Every structure is written in C-alpha cells, then in structure tokens.
C-alpha cells in the first residue's frame, strides 16, 4: 500500500544522515471527521484498523512510527492537513489519533490536525512550504503542480517531509525535501 512512501522517507533520511529520524512529518491527505484516506477507496478509521484485512494500514502506521525521532518525544509530531479529520468543533478525530499513537509505540508521536485557515494551521504550512508557493498551489489546486513547484524528484504522493538529525545529542540541523 504505502511501501513506497515509507521507503522514500527512509531513503531521504538516510541520504541526509545515516541513522537520521524524522522530527516531524506532514501528511496532506483527503479525509473527514475521524477518517483518513491513505489510498484511494481505502479509508482509515479505528474500526477499519481493528478489522482483519487491515494489516497493510497497520503496518504503514507502525513503520512510520519507527521512522520518527525518539529523542524529544514531546516535539515529535505528525501533522495531518488537507481534511477536517478532527471534526471541528466536536473533535471526533481524537479517538483515531489516540489509536494511531498506540499503534506506533514504542515511538511516542503526537498528531496534530490544525485547520489551514487558523493561525496554527498557517504556522504549520509555513514550516513545511514556502507560503507564497503554497497559496499559488491552493489557487490552482486542480492544475498541473509542475508549473508551480517544478518537476518532482520522486513519485511519492506526499508533498514534503521535514527531517531533523537524530544522533547522540539533539541537533538543530534540519532539511526539507520535496
């Protein structure tokens, strides 16, 4: 299912620095209150993750958790954007995030899903993207992205991974890949 995505993340981390782990990852995906679509016609909910036949989805989240930094668990985060997974204002997505956090153990990873138009959402967008290019992309969302960002170096579905080096002591070095 998402073998190529987790493989891409692993290879980018290794090329940046062997043994490197991601400090934060942004998944810009479709979804809605308490559900996410990692793959077309394959919905991720707590009930679906508990069912037989969901091994590929469970494997994806466990593998992604293994790629996340363990040095500063309070700041290791996966941002989910592109959908209203939390179900504002009722916060029905909390159960999904809590279940995903359990799947990712022993990694301690926080999930955040700020709304794009909120102050927090804008800050998250700015931490991964050039804000002007992002706005341009949003205004031309259904047009050819290569005109906005240039040709993509990989075929990954996900836009960007921000990585911070993990080794014997925390480093402030970071690198972003498109």
Protein backbone atom coordinates (compact mmCIF):
# COMPACT_ATOMS: atom_id res chain seq x y z
CA UNK A 1 0.00 0.00 0.00
CA UNK A 2 2.31 2.75 1.18
CA UNK A 3 5.54 0.82 0.99
CA UNK A 4 6.89 3.34 -1.49
CA UNK A 5 6.11 6.28 0.80
CA UNK A 6 7.77 4.83 3.88
CA UNK A 7 10.66 3.65 1.70
CA UNK A 8 11.00 7.16 0.26
CA UNK A 9 11.04 8.68 3.76
CA UNK A 10 13.65 6.14 4.89
CA UNK A 11 15.90 6.78 1.88
CA UNK A 12 15.67 10.57 2.30
CA UNK A 13 16.52 10.29 5.98
CA UNK A 14 19.48 8.01 5.22
CA UNK A 15 20.74 10.25 2.41
CA UNK A 16 20.57 13.25 4.74
CA UNK A 17 22.46 11.45 7.51
CA UNK A 18 22.67 7.70 8.21
CA UNK A 19 20.62 6.86 11.31
CA UNK A 20 18.58 10.04 10.98
CA UNK A 21 14.94 10.05 12.13
CA UNK A 22 12.15 12.48 11.26
CA UNK A 23 11.24 15.12 13.81
CA UNK A 24 8.01 15.98 12.03
CA UNK A 25 6.07 14.81 9.01
CA UNK A 26 3.21 16.46 7.18
CA UNK A 27 0.65 14.21 5.52
CA UNK A 28 -1.53 16.30 3.22
CA UNK A 29 -4.31 13.84 2.51
CA UNK A 30 -8.04 13.54 1.99
CA UNK A 31 -10.37 12.58 4.78
CA UNK A 32 -13.07 13.87 7.06
CA UNK A 33 -14.22 13.67 10.67
CA UNK A 34 -12.46 10.64 12.24
CA UNK A 35 -11.28 9.13 8.94
CA UNK A 36 -8.35 9.43 6.53
CA UNK A 37 -7.72 8.16 3.02
CA UNK A 38 -4.15 6.92 2.64
CA UNK A 39 -5.08 5.27 -0.61
CA UNK A 40 -8.00 5.69 -2.99
CA UNK A 41 -11.02 3.74 -1.71
CA UNK A 42 -9.12 2.66 1.43
CA UNK A 43 -10.42 4.53 4.45
CA UNK A 44 -8.55 4.59 7.77
CA UNK A 45 -10.80 4.58 10.83
CA UNK A 46 -10.40 2.97 14.24
CA UNK A 47 -12.93 0.28 13.31
CA UNK A 48 -11.20 -0.48 9.99
CA UNK A 49 -7.78 -0.69 11.67
CA UNK A 50 -9.14 -3.26 14.14
CA UNK A 51 -10.67 -5.44 11.39
CA UNK A 52 -8.93 -8.38 9.78
CA UNK A 53 -7.50 -7.48 6.41
CA UNK A 54 -6.19 -4.10 7.57
CA UNK A 55 -2.65 -5.36 8.08
CA UNK A 56 -1.26 -3.07 5.38
CA UNK A 57 -2.71 0.04 7.03
CA UNK A 58 -1.49 -1.06 10.47
CA UNK A 59 1.95 -1.82 9.01
CA UNK A 60 2.10 1.65 7.43
CA UNK A 61 1.44 3.46 10.72
CA UNK A 62 3.83 1.23 12.69
CA UNK A 63 6.57 1.71 10.09
CA UNK A 64 6.03 5.47 10.01
CA UNK A 65 6.27 5.50 13.82
CA UNK A 66 9.61 3.70 13.58
CA UNK A 67 10.93 6.46 11.31
CA UNK A 68 10.12 9.17 13.85
CA UNK A 69 12.63 10.61 16.31
CA UNK A 70 12.64 9.30 19.87
CA UNK A 71 14.98 11.99 21.27
CA UNK A 72 12.37 14.62 22.12
CA UNK A 73 9.00 12.84 22.20
CA UNK A 74 7.18 15.99 23.28
CA UNK A 75 8.05 17.67 19.99
CA UNK A 76 7.86 14.71 17.59
CA UNK A 77 4.72 15.26 15.56
CA UNK A 78 2.79 14.10 12.52
CA UNK A 79 0.72 16.88 11.03
CA UNK A 80 -2.40 15.91 9.11
CA UNK A 81 -3.71 18.55 6.73
CA UNK A 82 -5.94 18.71 3.69
CA UNK A 83 -9.00 17.45 5.54
CA UNK A 84 -11.04 18.07 8.67
CA UNK A 85 -10.10 14.81 10.44
CA UNK A 86 -10.72 16.26 13.89
CA UNK A 87 -14.32 17.12 13.05
CA UNK A 88 -14.27 20.62 14.47
CA UNK A 89 -15.96 21.65 16.72
CA UNK A 90 -16.80 18.20 18.16
CA UNK A 91 -13.25 16.72 17.96
CA UNK A 92 -14.40 13.24 16.90
CA UNK A 93 -10.96 12.55 15.41
CA UNK A 94 -9.34 12.26 18.85
CA UNK A 95 -10.14 8.53 19.02
CA UNK A 96 -8.41 7.90 15.68
CA UNK A 97 -5.30 9.83 16.74
CA UNK A 98 -5.15 8.05 20.11
CA UNK A 99 -5.43 4.65 18.40
CA UNK A 100 -2.69 5.55 15.91
CA UNK A 101 -0.45 6.68 18.78
CA UNK A 102 -0.95 3.26 20.41
CA UNK A 103 -0.06 1.51 17.13
CA UNK A 104 3.18 3.50 16.86
CA UNK A 105 4.53 2.54 20.28
CA UNK A 106 7.33 2.35 21.40
CA UNK A 107 7.65 5.59 19.41
CA UNK A 108 5.92 8.50 21.09
CA UNK A 109 4.38 10.61 18.37
CA UNK A 110 1.86 13.41 18.67
CA UNK A 111 -0.74 14.03 16.00
CA UNK A 112 -1.94 17.50 15.11
CA UNK A 113 -4.55 18.46 12.55
CA UNK A 114 -4.88 22.23 12.54
CA UNK A 115 -7.32 23.87 10.18
CA UNK A 116 -5.48 25.55 7.30
CA UNK A 117 -7.13 28.90 7.86
CA UNK A 118 -6.27 29.03 11.57
CA UNK A 119 -3.19 30.74 12.94
CA UNK A 120 -1.75 27.36 13.95
CA UNK A 121 -2.52 25.91 10.52
CA UNK A 122 -0.75 28.78 8.78
CA UNK A 123 2.30 28.32 11.03
CA UNK A 124 2.43 24.60 10.15
CA UNK A 125 2.14 25.39 6.44
CA UNK A 126 4.98 27.91 6.72
CA UNK A 127 7.19 25.35 8.48
CA UNK A 128 6.95 22.94 5.51
CA UNK A 129 6.34 25.12 2.47
CA UNK A 130 7.14 28.48 1.00
CA UNK A 131 3.91 30.32 1.92
CA UNK A 132 3.62 32.12 -1.42
CA UNK A 133 4.04 28.93 -3.43
CA UNK A 134 1.54 27.16 -1.20
CA UNK A 135 -1.04 29.91 -1.78
CA UNK A 136 -0.40 29.71 -5.50
CA UNK A 137 -0.84 25.95 -5.41
CA UNK A 138 -4.10 26.29 -3.46
CA UNK A 139 -5.49 28.74 -6.00
CA UNK A 140 -4.57 26.35 -8.84
CA UNK A 141 -5.16 23.11 -6.92
CA UNK A 142 -6.52 21.18 -9.86
CA UNK A 143 -3.97 22.41 -12.37
CA UNK A 144 -0.55 20.97 -13.13
CA UNK A 145 1.63 21.18 -9.98
CA UNK A 146 4.83 21.04 -12.02
CA UNK A 147 4.15 24.60 -13.17
CA UNK A 148 4.07 25.77 -9.55
CA UNK A 149 6.82 23.70 -7.89
CA UNK A 150 8.83 22.45 -10.84
CA UNK A 151 9.30 18.76 -11.66
CA UNK A 152 9.14 16.43 -8.67
CA UNK A 153 12.24 14.31 -8.00
CA UNK A 154 10.22 11.30 -6.79
CA UNK A 155 6.82 9.77 -7.39
CA UNK A 156 5.74 9.97 -3.76
CA UNK A 157 2.14 11.04 -3.17
CA UNK A 158 3.04 13.11 -0.18
CA UNK A 159 4.40 16.58 -0.64
CA UNK A 160 7.13 17.06 1.90
CA UNK A 161 8.96 15.65 4.87
CA UNK A 162 10.85 17.85 7.29
CA UNK A 163 13.70 15.98 8.86
CA UNK A 164 15.89 16.71 11.80
CA UNK A 165 19.03 14.77 12.58
CA UNK A 166 18.94 12.25 15.42
CA UNK A 167 22.22 11.00 16.83
CA UNK A 168 23.92 11.01 20.23
CA UNK A 169 22.68 14.50 21.03
CA UNK A 170 19.81 16.56 19.57
CA UNK A 171 20.83 18.77 16.71
CA UNK A 172 19.13 21.83 15.36
CA UNK A 173 20.03 20.92 11.79
CA UNK A 174 17.06 20.44 9.52
CA UNK A 175 16.47 19.65 5.90
CA UNK A 176 13.33 19.76 3.80
CA UNK A 177 12.69 17.63 0.74
CA UNK A 178 10.00 17.98 -1.88
